[in-house]
Amino acid sequence: MASISRRSTIGSYDSGNVMGERFCECGLRALLQVSNSIANPDRKYYACPIRRCGWFRWTGPSIQHSEVVDDRSCHLNCNLKLIKQFVKLHNEVVFMKLLAFFQLFVSVVCIVLIIVLLFKL
């Protein structure tokens, strides 16, 4: 298993350092992988090791126009995933707040009923 290391936030994550290492937007050392897609069979690329940020770059000395489009679509897909995650988390927070309010309401009702029952005795 490849080791994962953090990189300083100084500089750009998408550029390589002196040793040729690449870092994703999470700050982790990107792993060199080989594509098995139909569009890019056996093409090498670097990608986020835990696939959290969705970052990747094709290997090779030159960047072709199609790669720039792929890079933009990768960032758009990453942004869409982040928006979906944000909406999901927002919905979960709203649900948790409603649940907490319901629990508080039930607790208050129970306390009131106990007090009423104690005064009847």
Protein backbone atom coordinates (compact mmCIF):
# COMPACT_ATOMS: atom_id res chain seq x y z
CA MET A 1 0.00 0.00 0.00
CA ALA A 2 1.34 3.42 -0.90
CA SER A 3 2.14 5.81 1.88
CA ILE A 4 0.13 8.98 2.22
CA SER A 5 1.86 12.16 3.30
CA ARG A 6 0.66 15.70 3.90
CA ARG A 7 2.17 18.61 1.99
CA SER A 8 2.58 22.16 3.14
CA THR A 9 -0.14 24.54 1.97
CA ILE A 10 2.52 26.75 0.37
CA GLY A 11 2.41 26.48 -3.42
CA SER A 12 0.01 24.82 -5.79
CA TYR A 13 -1.24 21.31 -5.18
CA ASP A 14 -1.52 20.52 -8.85
CA SER A 15 2.14 21.12 -9.65
CA GLY A 16 4.92 18.65 -9.03
CA ASN A 17 7.80 19.32 -6.70
CA VAL A 18 11.52 18.88 -7.38
CA MET A 19 11.25 15.10 -7.02
CA GLY A 20 8.35 14.92 -9.49
CA GLU A 21 5.74 14.12 -6.86
CA ARG A 22 2.22 15.41 -7.35
CA PHE A 23 -0.22 16.49 -4.65
CA CYS A 24 -4.02 16.60 -4.83
CA GLU A 25 -6.25 19.38 -3.52
CA CYS A 26 -6.49 17.53 -0.17
CA GLY A 27 -2.72 17.97 0.20
CA LEU A 28 -2.02 14.25 -0.09
CA ARG A 29 0.62 12.69 -2.34
CA ALA A 30 -1.19 11.69 -5.52
CA LEU A 31 -0.88 8.09 -6.68
CA LEU A 32 0.20 7.14 -10.20
CA GLN A 33 -2.52 4.97 -11.72
CA VAL A 34 -3.40 3.48 -15.11
CA SER A 35 -6.72 4.15 -16.80
CA ASN A 36 -8.82 1.18 -17.88
CA SER A 37 -11.52 3.29 -19.55
CA ILE A 38 -12.54 2.83 -23.16
CA ALA A 39 -11.67 6.44 -24.03
CA ASN A 40 -8.17 6.31 -22.45
CA PRO A 41 -7.00 2.70 -22.22
CA ASP A 42 -3.66 2.17 -20.44
CA ARG A 43 -3.14 5.92 -20.04
CA LYS A 44 -1.29 6.93 -16.85
CA TYR A 45 -2.61 9.57 -14.49
CA TYR A 46 -2.21 10.89 -10.97
CA ALA A 47 -5.23 10.87 -8.65
CA CYS A 48 -6.21 11.66 -5.08
CA PRO A 49 -5.33 8.55 -3.03
CA ILE A 50 -8.58 8.59 -1.06
CA ARG A 51 -10.74 10.06 -3.86
CA ARG A 52 -12.11 12.71 -1.51
CA CYS A 53 -11.45 15.79 -3.65
CA GLY A 54 -11.81 14.16 -7.08
CA TRP A 55 -8.48 15.61 -8.26
CA PHE A 56 -6.55 13.95 -11.09
CA ARG A 57 -4.01 14.86 -13.80
CA TRP A 58 -2.90 12.94 -16.86
CA THR A 59 0.81 12.19 -17.06
CA GLY A 60 2.92 13.32 -19.97
CA PRO A 61 5.03 16.29 -20.97
CA SER A 62 2.34 18.16 -22.90
CA ILE A 63 -1.28 18.99 -22.18
CA GLN A 64 -3.60 18.53 -25.12
CA HIS A 65 -6.83 20.47 -25.57
CA SER A 66 -8.92 17.40 -24.66
CA GLU A 67 -7.09 17.13 -21.33
CA VAL A 68 -7.94 20.73 -20.44
CA VAL A 69 -11.61 19.97 -21.10
CA ASP A 70 -11.30 16.79 -18.99
CA ASP A 71 -9.72 18.82 -16.18
CA ARG A 72 -12.54 21.37 -16.26
CA SER A 73 -15.19 18.66 -16.26
CA CYS A 74 -13.38 16.99 -13.34
CA HIS A 75 -13.61 20.23 -11.35
CA LEU A 76 -17.28 20.66 -12.31
CA ASN A 77 -18.02 17.09 -11.20
CA CYS A 78 -16.13 17.72 -7.97
CA ASN A 79 -18.13 20.90 -7.36
CA LEU A 80 -21.41 19.09 -8.06
CA LYS A 81 -20.43 16.34 -5.61
CA LEU A 82 -19.58 18.95 -2.98
CA ILE A 83 -22.92 20.71 -3.52
CA LYS A 84 -24.78 17.40 -3.17
CA GLN A 85 -22.85 16.60 0.01
CA PHE A 86 -23.59 20.08 1.38
CA VAL A 87 -27.32 19.72 0.67
CA LYS A 88 -27.33 16.27 2.27
CA LEU A 89 -25.54 17.56 5.38
CA HIS A 90 -27.86 20.57 5.55
CA ASN A 91 -30.89 18.27 5.43
CA GLU A 92 -29.39 16.08 8.14
CA VAL A 93 -28.79 19.14 10.36
CA VAL A 94 -32.39 20.29 9.87
CA PHE A 95 -33.62 16.79 10.73
CA MET A 96 -31.44 16.66 13.86
CA LYS A 97 -32.76 20.05 14.99
CA LEU A 98 -36.34 18.89 14.53
CA LEU A 99 -35.57 15.68 16.41
CA ALA A 100 -33.99 17.64 19.27
CA PHE A 101 -37.01 19.96 19.41
CA PHE A 102 -39.36 16.95 19.48
CA GLN A 103 -37.35 15.34 22.30
CA LEU A 104 -37.45 18.59 24.28
CA PHE A 105 -41.22 18.86 23.73
CA VAL A 106 -41.81 15.27 24.89
CA SER A 107 -39.60 15.85 27.95
CA VAL A 108 -41.54 18.99 28.92
CA VAL A 109 -44.87 17.17 28.50
CA CYS A 110 -43.64 14.29 30.67
CA ILE A 111 -42.44 16.67 33.39
CA VAL A 112 -45.77 18.51 33.36
CA LEU A 113 -47.68 15.23 33.62
CA ILE A 114 -45.51 14.08 36.53
CA ILE A 115 -46.09 17.38 38.36
CA VAL A 116 -49.85 17.14 37.76
CA LEU A 117 -49.92 13.56 39.05
CA LEU A 118 -47.90 14.48 42.16
CA PHE A 119 -50.29 17.33 43.06
CA LYS A 120 -53.29 14.99 42.70
CA LEU A 121 -51.85 12.67 45.34
